[in-house]
Every structure is written in structure tokens, then in C-alpha cells.
């Protein structure tokens, strides 16, 4: 099974998502649940070696998988997969990526 590494950018993205849900929306339990769901979905997808999608506005060799309305971008090599970013799919991607 390939090693899965969450980059600092991806970790920051998750923290921003959780902050918005927990603090701005005042839904702490939902924030905890969404965190677990995003991490589980991404790592399960990668562990099962399911195909990702190419996004025309993402950097070369990045793939993504969609979970609810978030796009989870990752880059895979033979023995490691790095989760690069987690972004809201409704955002303008070039400025985000």
C-alpha cells in the first residue's frame, strides 16, 4: 500500500474548512464529522487505487477526487501519494491552486 502524506497546504485547507464550519457556521459536531469523512474518503480512494480525474486548471500530474463539494487534489508516485490541496469545488481554482 502506498504511503499517504498530507502536505502542509492540504492540512491548512482542512483547517480552514473546519474553522468555517465550526466557528462561522457554529456547527462543531458537523466540523468534526466532515474532517473525518474527508480524510477517510481520500485515504480510502488512494488505498484502493481507484482512478482520479484530471482537472484542466490543476498543475500537471495532479489528480482529484470529489467528496461532496470539495475537490481533493493529489499526486501519486509508485510508493507515495501526496494529498496536495482540498478546495471547495465552487471556487475559482487557478487563484486557489
N, C-alpha and C. Protein backbone atom coordinates (compact mmCIF):
# COMPACT_ATOMS: atom_id res chain seq x y z
N UNK A 1 0.85 -1.18 0.00
CA UNK A 1 0.00 0.00 0.00
C UNK A 1 0.90 1.24 0.00
N UNK A 2 0.59 2.20 -0.87
CA UNK A 2 1.42 3.41 -0.91
C UNK A 2 1.25 4.26 0.36
N UNK A 3 2.32 4.92 0.72
CA UNK A 3 2.27 5.85 1.85
C UNK A 3 1.44 7.07 1.42
N UNK A 4 0.62 7.58 2.33
CA UNK A 4 -0.20 8.75 2.05
C UNK A 4 0.28 9.89 2.94
N UNK A 5 0.62 11.00 2.31
CA UNK A 5 1.15 12.16 3.03
C UNK A 5 0.28 13.38 2.73
N UNK A 6 -0.19 14.03 3.75
CA UNK A 6 -0.96 15.27 3.60
C UNK A 6 0.03 16.44 3.65
N UNK A 7 0.12 17.21 2.58
CA UNK A 7 1.02 18.35 2.56
C UNK A 7 0.54 19.41 3.54
N UNK A 8 1.43 20.35 3.86
CA UNK A 8 1.03 21.45 4.75
C UNK A 8 -0.11 22.25 4.14
N UNK A 9 -0.09 22.43 2.83
CA UNK A 9 -1.17 23.17 2.17
C UNK A 9 -2.50 22.45 2.33
N UNK A 10 -2.50 21.13 2.17
CA UNK A 10 -3.73 20.36 2.33
C UNK A 10 -4.21 20.41 3.78
N UNK A 11 -3.28 20.35 4.72
CA UNK A 11 -3.65 20.43 6.13
C UNK A 11 -4.24 21.81 6.45
N UNK A 12 -3.65 22.86 5.88
CA UNK A 12 -4.18 24.22 6.07
C UNK A 12 -5.57 24.35 5.47
N UNK A 13 -5.75 23.74 4.28
CA UNK A 13 -7.07 23.77 3.64
C UNK A 13 -8.11 23.12 4.55
N UNK A 14 -7.79 21.96 5.10
CA UNK A 14 -8.72 21.29 6.01
C UNK A 14 -9.01 22.15 7.23
N UNK A 15 -7.99 22.77 7.79
CA UNK A 15 -8.18 23.63 8.96
C UNK A 15 -9.11 24.79 8.63
N UNK A 16 -8.95 25.39 7.44
CA UNK A 16 -9.83 26.48 7.02
C UNK A 16 -11.27 26.02 6.86
N UNK A 17 -11.45 24.84 6.27
CA UNK A 17 -12.79 24.28 6.09
C UNK A 17 -13.44 24.06 7.45
N UNK A 18 -12.69 23.46 8.36
CA UNK A 18 -13.23 23.16 9.68
C UNK A 18 -13.51 24.42 10.48
N UNK A 19 -12.64 25.41 10.36
CA UNK A 19 -12.86 26.69 11.04
C UNK A 19 -14.18 27.30 10.57
N UNK A 20 -14.37 27.30 9.28
CA UNK A 20 -15.59 27.90 8.73
C UNK A 20 -16.83 27.18 9.25
N UNK A 21 -16.81 25.85 9.24
CA UNK A 21 -17.97 25.09 9.68
C UNK A 21 -18.17 25.24 11.19
N UNK A 22 -17.09 25.10 11.96
CA UNK A 22 -17.20 25.10 13.42
C UNK A 22 -17.44 26.49 14.00
N UNK A 23 -16.71 27.49 13.51
CA UNK A 23 -16.77 28.81 14.13
C UNK A 23 -17.76 29.73 13.42
N UNK A 24 -17.65 29.83 12.13
CA UNK A 24 -18.53 30.75 11.39
C UNK A 24 -19.96 30.22 11.38
N UNK A 25 -20.10 28.93 11.02
CA UNK A 25 -21.44 28.33 10.97
C UNK A 25 -21.91 27.83 12.33
N UNK A 26 -21.00 27.80 13.31
CA UNK A 26 -21.31 27.34 14.67
C UNK A 26 -21.86 25.91 14.69
N UNK A 27 -21.16 25.03 13.98
CA UNK A 27 -21.58 23.63 13.87
C UNK A 27 -20.37 22.73 14.15
N UNK A 28 -19.95 22.72 15.40
CA UNK A 28 -18.75 21.99 15.81
C UNK A 28 -18.84 20.50 15.51
N UNK A 29 -19.96 19.88 15.83
CA UNK A 29 -20.09 18.44 15.58
C UNK A 29 -20.00 18.13 14.09
N UNK A 30 -20.59 18.97 13.28
CA UNK A 30 -20.52 18.76 11.83
C UNK A 30 -19.08 18.92 11.34
N UNK A 31 -18.37 19.88 11.90
CA UNK A 31 -16.97 20.09 11.50
C UNK A 31 -16.14 18.84 11.80
N UNK A 32 -16.30 18.27 12.98
CA UNK A 32 -15.57 17.05 13.32
C UNK A 32 -15.92 15.92 12.36
N UNK A 33 -17.20 15.79 12.06
CA UNK A 33 -17.65 14.73 11.16
C UNK A 33 -17.10 14.92 9.75
N UNK A 34 -17.15 16.16 9.25
CA UNK A 34 -16.65 16.45 7.89
C UNK A 34 -15.16 16.17 7.80
N UNK A 35 -14.41 16.54 8.83
CA UNK A 35 -12.98 16.26 8.84
C UNK A 35 -12.73 14.76 8.66
N UNK A 36 -13.39 13.96 9.52
CA UNK A 36 -13.22 12.51 9.44
C UNK A 36 -13.64 11.97 8.08
N UNK A 37 -14.73 12.48 7.54
CA UNK A 37 -15.24 11.99 6.25
C UNK A 37 -14.26 12.31 5.11
N UNK A 38 -13.73 13.52 5.09
CA UNK A 38 -12.80 13.91 4.01
C UNK A 38 -11.54 13.05 4.07
N UNK A 39 -10.97 12.92 5.25
CA UNK A 39 -9.74 12.13 5.41
C UNK A 39 -10.01 10.67 5.03
N UNK A 40 -11.07 10.09 5.54
CA UNK A 40 -11.40 8.69 5.24
C UNK A 40 -11.64 8.49 3.75
N UNK A 41 -12.39 9.39 3.14
CA UNK A 41 -12.70 9.24 1.72
C UNK A 41 -11.43 9.32 0.87
N UNK A 42 -10.60 10.30 1.14
CA UNK A 42 -9.36 10.47 0.36
C UNK A 42 -8.44 9.28 0.53
N UNK A 43 -8.21 8.87 1.75
CA UNK A 43 -7.27 7.79 2.00
C UNK A 43 -7.81 6.45 1.51
N UNK A 44 -9.11 6.24 1.59
CA UNK A 44 -9.72 5.02 1.06
C UNK A 44 -9.60 4.96 -0.46
N UNK A 45 -9.87 6.09 -1.11
CA UNK A 45 -9.78 6.18 -2.57
C UNK A 45 -8.36 5.84 -3.03
N UNK A 46 -7.38 6.41 -2.35
CA UNK A 46 -5.98 6.20 -2.71
C UNK A 46 -5.55 4.76 -2.40
N UNK A 47 -5.93 4.26 -1.24
CA UNK A 47 -5.54 2.90 -0.85
C UNK A 47 -6.11 1.85 -1.80
N UNK A 48 -7.29 2.09 -2.30
CA UNK A 48 -7.92 1.14 -3.23
C UNK A 48 -7.43 1.34 -4.67
N UNK A 49 -6.57 2.33 -4.86
CA UNK A 49 -6.01 2.65 -6.18
C UNK A 49 -7.10 2.91 -7.22
N UNK A 50 -8.14 3.60 -6.79
CA UNK A 50 -9.20 3.99 -7.71
C UNK A 50 -8.70 5.13 -8.60
N UNK A 51 -9.23 5.22 -9.80
CA UNK A 51 -8.75 6.28 -10.70
C UNK A 51 -9.18 7.67 -10.23
N UNK A 52 -8.30 8.62 -10.44
CA UNK A 52 -8.62 10.02 -10.16
C UNK A 52 -8.98 10.71 -11.46
N UNK A 53 -9.32 11.97 -11.36
CA UNK A 53 -9.70 12.77 -12.52
C UNK A 53 -8.66 13.85 -12.75
N UNK A 54 -8.51 14.23 -14.00
CA UNK A 54 -7.62 15.34 -14.36
C UNK A 54 -8.46 16.60 -14.43
N UNK A 55 -7.98 17.66 -13.81
CA UNK A 55 -8.67 18.95 -13.87
C UNK A 55 -7.84 19.87 -14.76
N UNK A 56 -8.46 20.50 -15.76
CA UNK A 56 -7.68 21.32 -16.69
C UNK A 56 -6.97 22.51 -16.05
N UNK A 57 -7.40 22.94 -14.89
CA UNK A 57 -6.79 24.10 -14.24
C UNK A 57 -5.82 23.72 -13.13
N UNK A 58 -5.64 22.43 -12.91
CA UNK A 58 -4.72 21.98 -11.86
C UNK A 58 -3.31 21.79 -12.44
N UNK A 59 -2.31 21.83 -11.58
CA UNK A 59 -0.96 21.56 -12.07
C UNK A 59 -0.85 20.18 -12.71
N UNK A 60 0.12 20.07 -13.60
CA UNK A 60 0.35 18.81 -14.31
C UNK A 60 0.62 17.68 -13.31
N UNK A 61 0.12 16.52 -13.59
CA UNK A 61 0.27 15.29 -12.80
C UNK A 61 -0.59 15.27 -11.54
N UNK A 62 -1.34 16.33 -11.26
CA UNK A 62 -2.26 16.29 -10.14
C UNK A 62 -3.55 15.65 -10.60
N UNK A 63 -4.09 14.80 -9.76
CA UNK A 63 -5.41 14.21 -9.98
C UNK A 63 -6.31 14.70 -8.85
N UNK A 64 -7.60 14.52 -9.04
CA UNK A 64 -8.50 14.88 -7.95
C UNK A 64 -9.63 13.87 -7.84
N UNK A 65 -10.23 13.86 -6.69
CA UNK A 65 -11.44 13.12 -6.41
C UNK A 65 -12.37 14.09 -5.70
N UNK A 66 -13.65 13.98 -5.97
CA UNK A 66 -14.63 14.88 -5.36
C UNK A 66 -15.29 14.18 -4.18
N UNK A 67 -15.33 14.89 -3.05
CA UNK A 67 -16.12 14.44 -1.91
C UNK A 67 -17.09 15.57 -1.56
N UNK A 68 -18.37 15.28 -1.72
CA UNK A 68 -19.42 16.29 -1.59
C UNK A 68 -19.06 17.45 -2.50
N UNK A 69 -18.83 18.65 -1.99
CA UNK A 69 -18.47 19.74 -2.91
C UNK A 69 -16.99 20.13 -2.82
N UNK A 70 -16.20 19.30 -2.17
CA UNK A 70 -14.76 19.56 -2.07
C UNK A 70 -14.00 18.73 -3.09
N UNK A 71 -12.98 19.32 -3.65
CA UNK A 71 -12.08 18.62 -4.55
C UNK A 71 -10.80 18.32 -3.79
N UNK A 72 -10.41 17.07 -3.76
CA UNK A 72 -9.21 16.64 -3.06
C UNK A 72 -8.17 16.34 -4.13
N UNK A 73 -7.17 17.19 -4.22
CA UNK A 73 -6.12 17.04 -5.24
C UNK A 73 -4.96 16.25 -4.66
N UNK A 74 -4.44 15.34 -5.46
CA UNK A 74 -3.32 14.53 -5.02
C UNK A 74 -2.38 14.22 -6.17
N UNK A 75 -1.19 13.81 -5.81
CA UNK A 75 -0.17 13.45 -6.79
C UNK A 75 0.42 12.12 -6.34
N UNK A 76 0.36 11.13 -7.23
CA UNK A 76 0.80 9.79 -6.88
C UNK A 76 2.12 9.42 -7.56
N UNK A 77 2.95 8.72 -6.81
CA UNK A 77 4.14 8.09 -7.37
C UNK A 77 4.01 6.60 -7.06
N UNK A 78 5.03 5.85 -7.38
CA UNK A 78 4.96 4.40 -7.17
C UNK A 78 4.73 4.03 -5.71
N UNK A 79 5.43 4.69 -4.79
CA UNK A 79 5.36 4.27 -3.38
C UNK A 79 4.79 5.33 -2.43
N UNK A 80 4.34 6.46 -2.97
CA UNK A 80 3.80 7.50 -2.10
C UNK A 80 2.76 8.32 -2.84
N UNK A 81 1.76 8.75 -2.10
CA UNK A 81 0.77 9.68 -2.64
C UNK A 81 0.73 10.89 -1.72
N UNK A 82 0.86 12.06 -2.32
CA UNK A 82 0.76 13.30 -1.55
C UNK A 82 -0.58 13.94 -1.84
N UNK A 83 -1.31 14.24 -0.79
CA UNK A 83 -2.53 15.00 -0.94
C UNK A 83 -2.11 16.46 -0.92
N UNK A 84 -2.34 17.13 -2.05
CA UNK A 84 -1.79 18.46 -2.27
C UNK A 84 -2.68 19.57 -1.73
N UNK A 85 -3.96 19.50 -2.03
CA UNK A 85 -4.90 20.57 -1.64
C UNK A 85 -6.29 19.97 -1.45
N UNK A 86 -7.11 20.65 -0.66
CA UNK A 86 -8.53 20.33 -0.51
C UNK A 86 -9.26 21.66 -0.67
N UNK A 87 -10.02 21.79 -1.77
CA UNK A 87 -10.65 23.08 -2.06
C UNK A 87 -12.13 22.90 -2.35
N UNK A 88 -12.86 23.96 -2.11
CA UNK A 88 -14.28 23.99 -2.44
C UNK A 88 -14.39 24.02 -3.96
N UNK A 89 -15.14 23.09 -4.51
CA UNK A 89 -15.27 22.96 -5.95
C UNK A 89 -15.93 24.14 -6.63
N UNK A 90 -16.58 25.01 -5.86
CA UNK A 90 -17.23 26.18 -6.45
C UNK A 90 -16.29 27.38 -6.54
N UNK A 91 -15.08 27.25 -5.98
CA UNK A 91 -14.12 28.36 -6.01
C UNK A 91 -13.39 28.40 -7.34
N UNK A 92 -12.84 29.56 -7.63
CA UNK A 92 -12.05 29.74 -8.84
C UNK A 92 -10.68 29.08 -8.59
N UNK A 93 -10.38 28.01 -9.28
CA UNK A 93 -9.22 27.20 -8.95
C UNK A 93 -7.86 27.82 -9.21
N UNK A 94 -7.59 28.50 -10.33
CA UNK A 94 -6.21 28.99 -10.51
C UNK A 94 -5.72 29.87 -9.37
N UNK A 95 -6.56 30.70 -8.82
CA UNK A 95 -6.10 31.55 -7.71
C UNK A 95 -5.94 30.73 -6.44
N UNK A 96 -6.65 29.62 -6.33
CA UNK A 96 -6.56 28.77 -5.16
C UNK A 96 -5.35 27.86 -5.23
N UNK A 97 -5.10 27.32 -6.40
CA UNK A 97 -4.01 26.36 -6.54
C UNK A 97 -2.70 27.06 -6.78
